[in-house]
């Protein structure tokens, strides 16, 4: 099941002025993996979500729930 994870993560990163490379470096992912997640090409694993939440301190629900503009 596809979620809005990538879209939401991209919006949150924008609010923090965080680049894909910065997120990759802080989470141990490759920039390519971050790009795939942000573009909803692939869903992150549970361990990846945990690493992202350690860098971007938001509730899990905010990453997987549709954010309306």
C-alpha atoms as a PDB file:
ATOM      1  CA  UNK A   1       0.000   0.000   0.000  1.00  0.00           C
ATOM      2  CA  UNK A   2       1.417   3.365  -1.024  1.00  0.00           C
ATOM      3  CA  UNK A   3       1.424   6.143   1.523  1.00  0.00           C
ATOM      4  CA  UNK A   4       2.139   9.850   1.351  1.00  0.00           C
ATOM      5  CA  UNK A   5       5.427   9.276   3.173  1.00  0.00           C
ATOM      6  CA  UNK A   6       7.680  10.681   0.440  1.00  0.00           C
ATOM      7  CA  UNK A   7       5.537  13.758  -0.166  1.00  0.00           C
ATOM      8  CA  UNK A   8       5.266  14.460   3.556  1.00  0.00           C
ATOM      9  CA  UNK A   9       8.973  13.907   4.146  1.00  0.00           C
ATOM     10  CA  UNK A  10       9.810  16.278   1.288  1.00  0.00           C
ATOM     11  CA  UNK A  11       7.565  18.981   2.810  1.00  0.00           C
ATOM     12  CA  UNK A  12       9.072  18.539   6.271  1.00  0.00           C
ATOM     13  CA  UNK A  13      12.595  18.656   4.863  1.00  0.00           C
ATOM     14  CA  UNK A  14      11.679  21.897   3.081  1.00  0.00           C
ATOM     15  CA  UNK A  15      10.466  23.410   6.336  1.00  0.00           C
ATOM     16  CA  UNK A  16      13.822  22.505   7.892  1.00  0.00           C
ATOM     17  CA  UNK A  17      15.846  23.617   4.840  1.00  0.00           C
ATOM     18  CA  UNK A  18      17.329  20.105   4.758  1.00  0.00           C
ATOM     19  CA  UNK A  19      18.723  18.698   1.531  1.00  0.00           C
ATOM     20  CA  UNK A  20      18.579  15.101   0.345  1.00  0.00           C
ATOM     21  CA  UNK A  21      22.334  14.813   0.865  1.00  0.00           C
ATOM     22  CA  UNK A  22      22.041  16.090   4.450  1.00  0.00           C
ATOM     23  CA  UNK A  23      19.292  13.583   5.234  1.00  0.00           C
ATOM     24  CA  UNK A  24      21.313  10.805   3.629  1.00  0.00           C
ATOM     25  CA  UNK A  25      24.409  11.684   5.668  1.00  0.00           C
ATOM     26  CA  UNK A  26      22.471  11.934   8.938  1.00  0.00           C
ATOM     27  CA  UNK A  27      20.620   8.639   8.434  1.00  0.00           C
ATOM     28  CA  UNK A  28      23.294   6.514   6.783  1.00  0.00           C
ATOM     29  CA  UNK A  29      21.311   6.201   3.551  1.00  0.00           C
ATOM     30  CA  UNK A  30      22.600   6.959   0.094  1.00  0.00           C
ATOM     31  CA  UNK A  31      21.334  10.097  -1.644  1.00  0.00           C
ATOM     32  CA  UNK A  32      19.814   7.812  -4.293  1.00  0.00           C
ATOM     33  CA  UNK A  33      17.808   5.931  -1.635  1.00  0.00           C
ATOM     34  CA  UNK A  34      16.552   9.227  -0.196  1.00  0.00           C
ATOM     35  CA  UNK A  35      15.531  10.357  -3.687  1.00  0.00           C
ATOM     36  CA  UNK A  36      13.604   7.131  -4.298  1.00  0.00           C
ATOM     37  CA  UNK A  37      11.729   7.547  -1.011  1.00  0.00           C
ATOM     38  CA  UNK A  38      10.962  11.227  -1.651  1.00  0.00           C
ATOM     39  CA  UNK A  39       9.624  10.417  -5.112  1.00  0.00           C
ATOM     40  CA  UNK A  40       7.549   7.470  -3.827  1.00  0.00           C
ATOM     41  CA  UNK A  41       9.505   5.036  -5.979  1.00  0.00           C
ATOM     42  CA  UNK A  42      10.082   2.855  -2.942  1.00  0.00           C
ATOM     43  CA  UNK A  43       8.736   2.643   0.577  1.00  0.00           C
ATOM     44  CA  UNK A  44      11.257   2.900   3.432  1.00  0.00           C
ATOM     45  CA  UNK A  45      11.850  -0.032   5.743  1.00  0.00           C
ATOM     46  CA  UNK A  46      10.839   0.243   9.388  1.00  0.00           C
ATOM     47  CA  UNK A  47      14.469   0.721  10.423  1.00  0.00           C
ATOM     48  CA  UNK A  48      14.849   3.513   7.868  1.00  0.00           C
ATOM     49  CA  UNK A  49      11.736   5.246   9.184  1.00  0.00           C
ATOM     50  CA  UNK A  50      13.170   5.052  12.704  1.00  0.00           C
ATOM     51  CA  UNK A  51      16.453   6.618  11.519  1.00  0.00           C
ATOM     52  CA  UNK A  52      14.532   9.382   9.731  1.00  0.00           C
ATOM     53  CA  UNK A  53      12.461  10.077  12.851  1.00  0.00           C
ATOM     54  CA  UNK A  54      15.677  10.424  14.858  1.00  0.00           C
ATOM     55  CA  UNK A  55      16.771  13.208  12.465  1.00  0.00           C
ATOM     56  CA  UNK A  56      13.386  14.836  11.831  1.00  0.00           C
ATOM     57  CA  UNK A  57      11.571  14.839  15.177  1.00  0.00           C
ATOM     58  CA  UNK A  58       7.929  14.508  14.144  1.00  0.00           C
ATOM     59  CA  UNK A  59       5.280  11.961  14.976  1.00  0.00           C
ATOM     60  CA  UNK A  60       5.112   8.907  12.728  1.00  0.00           C
ATOM     61  CA  UNK A  61       1.528   9.754  11.794  1.00  0.00           C
ATOM     62  CA  UNK A  62       2.660  13.044  10.275  1.00  0.00           C
ATOM     63  CA  UNK A  63       4.818  11.147   7.799  1.00  0.00           C
ATOM     64  CA  UNK A  64       2.209   8.644   6.645  1.00  0.00           C
ATOM     65  CA  UNK A  65      -0.989  10.688   6.746  1.00  0.00           C
ATOM     66  CA  UNK A  66      -2.084  12.836   3.821  1.00  0.00           C
ATOM     67  CA  UNK A  67      -1.085  16.467   4.345  1.00  0.00           C
ATOM     68  CA  UNK A  68      -3.543  18.830   2.734  1.00  0.00           C
ATOM     69  CA  UNK A  69      -2.308  22.201   1.487  1.00  0.00           C
END
